């Protein structure tokens, strides 16, 4: 039997009007320490944004989500946060914020394959 590993995830949300507390799920970020895994899956659905009658530019939201992806990977150009260790990057990305792009509370679980689990959560919670 394969070993199951503790993972943590948060849903990435777009909150077009923070004062109304309405949001659209646009992605999932998942961290698994044992597998040294931190990644995000996301999609900006313009039709869903239009349903909120918001004036946000999808390209601006996409740029914010790409910045999250760069930080997850610790890519060059991801700034000082991207240079932190993997656990610190996850904690920073999922910290509570009052902005247009924010993360839900962090939820735990167990998985065998972190990438497979990320894709499953993305399918269930975003698409």
Protein backbone atom coordinates (compact mmCIF):
# COMPACT_ATOMS: atom_id res chain seq x y z
CA UNK A 1 0.00 0.00 0.00
CA UNK A 2 1.28 3.46 -0.91
CA UNK A 3 2.01 5.95 1.83
CA UNK A 4 -0.38 8.87 2.22
CA UNK A 5 1.07 12.31 2.91
CA UNK A 6 -0.40 15.30 4.68
CA UNK A 7 -1.17 18.19 2.33
CA UNK A 8 -2.70 21.62 2.73
CA UNK A 9 -4.63 23.62 0.17
CA UNK A 10 -6.50 26.87 -0.27
CA UNK A 11 -8.89 28.05 -2.94
CA UNK A 12 -7.80 31.18 -4.79
CA UNK A 13 -10.69 33.58 -5.20
CA UNK A 14 -11.42 36.77 -7.07
CA UNK A 15 -13.49 39.16 -5.00
CA UNK A 16 -14.69 41.81 -7.46
CA UNK A 17 -16.19 43.99 -4.73
CA UNK A 18 -14.60 43.29 -1.37
CA UNK A 19 -17.38 45.12 0.47
CA UNK A 20 -20.02 42.71 -0.94
CA UNK A 21 -18.03 39.59 0.04
CA UNK A 22 -19.00 37.81 -3.20
CA UNK A 23 -16.31 35.78 -4.89
CA UNK A 24 -15.46 33.53 -7.81
CA UNK A 25 -13.18 30.53 -7.34
CA UNK A 26 -10.37 30.81 -9.90
CA UNK A 27 -7.71 28.43 -8.62
CA UNK A 28 -6.32 26.07 -6.01
CA UNK A 29 -2.91 26.18 -4.37
CA UNK A 30 -1.59 22.97 -2.79
CA UNK A 31 1.40 22.32 -0.53
CA UNK A 32 2.76 18.91 0.51
CA UNK A 33 5.90 19.04 2.67
CA UNK A 34 6.83 15.34 2.32
CA UNK A 35 6.71 15.54 -1.48
CA UNK A 36 8.38 18.99 -1.49
CA UNK A 37 5.48 20.16 -3.62
CA UNK A 38 3.93 23.61 -4.00
CA UNK A 39 1.86 24.43 -7.06
CA UNK A 40 -1.23 26.26 -8.21
CA UNK A 41 -3.81 25.54 -10.92
CA UNK A 42 -5.99 28.42 -12.08
CA UNK A 43 -8.23 29.78 -14.82
CA UNK A 44 -9.80 33.20 -15.31
CA UNK A 45 -13.31 32.71 -16.70
CA UNK A 46 -14.36 36.01 -18.28
CA UNK A 47 -18.03 35.00 -18.47
CA UNK A 48 -18.16 34.41 -14.72
CA UNK A 49 -16.55 37.79 -14.12
CA UNK A 50 -19.14 39.47 -16.32
CA UNK A 51 -21.91 37.84 -14.27
CA UNK A 52 -20.71 39.89 -11.30
CA UNK A 53 -21.04 43.04 -13.38
CA UNK A 54 -17.53 44.00 -12.42
CA UNK A 55 -15.09 46.20 -14.25
CA UNK A 56 -12.01 44.13 -13.45
CA UNK A 57 -9.74 43.44 -16.38
CA UNK A 58 -9.23 39.67 -16.80
CA UNK A 59 -5.64 40.36 -17.88
CA UNK A 60 -4.89 42.04 -14.54
CA UNK A 61 -6.31 39.09 -12.63
CA UNK A 62 -4.34 36.68 -14.84
CA UNK A 63 -1.15 38.65 -14.11
CA UNK A 64 -1.79 38.33 -10.37
CA UNK A 65 -2.35 34.58 -10.72
CA UNK A 66 0.82 34.21 -12.79
CA UNK A 67 2.72 35.96 -9.99
CA UNK A 68 1.35 33.33 -7.58
CA UNK A 69 2.54 30.58 -9.93
CA UNK A 70 6.03 32.13 -10.12
CA UNK A 71 6.25 32.32 -6.34
CA UNK A 72 5.12 28.69 -6.04
CA UNK A 73 7.93 27.61 -8.33
CA UNK A 74 10.46 29.96 -6.72
CA UNK A 75 11.15 31.29 -10.21
CA UNK A 76 13.57 34.04 -10.98
CA UNK A 77 11.72 37.29 -10.96
CA UNK A 78 9.34 36.18 -8.22
CA UNK A 79 10.85 38.70 -5.81
CA UNK A 80 11.99 38.17 -2.24
CA UNK A 81 9.02 35.91 -1.43
CA UNK A 82 10.04 33.50 -4.19
CA UNK A 83 13.41 33.07 -2.48
CA UNK A 84 11.87 31.78 0.75
CA UNK A 85 11.65 28.07 1.57
CA UNK A 86 8.62 26.22 0.19
CA UNK A 87 6.62 26.23 3.46
CA UNK A 88 7.14 29.97 3.94
CA UNK A 89 6.06 30.69 0.36
CA UNK A 90 2.83 28.72 0.93
CA UNK A 91 2.12 30.54 4.21
CA UNK A 92 2.72 33.92 2.57
CA UNK A 93 0.50 33.10 -0.42
CA UNK A 94 -2.36 31.91 1.80
CA UNK A 95 -2.18 34.70 4.38
CA UNK A 96 -5.44 36.57 4.96
CA UNK A 97 -5.82 39.60 2.70
CA UNK A 98 -8.49 42.15 1.87
CA UNK A 99 -7.71 42.41 -1.83
CA UNK A 100 -9.34 41.42 -5.09
CA UNK A 101 -7.31 38.18 -5.33
CA UNK A 102 -7.29 36.26 -2.06
CA UNK A 103 -7.02 32.76 -0.63
CA UNK A 104 -9.58 30.86 1.40
CA UNK A 105 -8.72 29.40 4.76
CA UNK A 106 -6.21 26.56 4.54
CA UNK A 107 -7.65 23.04 4.57
CA UNK A 108 -5.71 19.81 5.28
CA UNK A 109 -5.98 16.35 3.78
CA UNK A 110 -4.00 13.23 2.90
CA UNK A 111 -2.81 12.28 -0.57
CA UNK A 112 -0.61 9.80 -2.38
CA UNK A 113 0.21 12.07 -5.34
CA UNK A 114 0.14 15.84 -4.72
CA UNK A 115 -0.17 16.81 -8.41
CA UNK A 116 -3.08 14.42 -8.92
CA UNK A 117 -4.76 15.80 -5.81
CA UNK A 118 -4.28 19.39 -7.00
CA UNK A 119 -5.92 18.58 -10.33
CA UNK A 120 -8.83 16.82 -8.61
CA UNK A 121 -9.44 19.76 -6.28
CA UNK A 122 -9.17 22.18 -9.19
CA UNK A 123 -11.80 20.22 -11.13
CA UNK A 124 -14.14 20.05 -8.12
CA UNK A 125 -13.77 23.57 -6.77
CA UNK A 126 -13.02 25.78 -9.76
CA UNK A 127 -14.26 24.32 -13.04
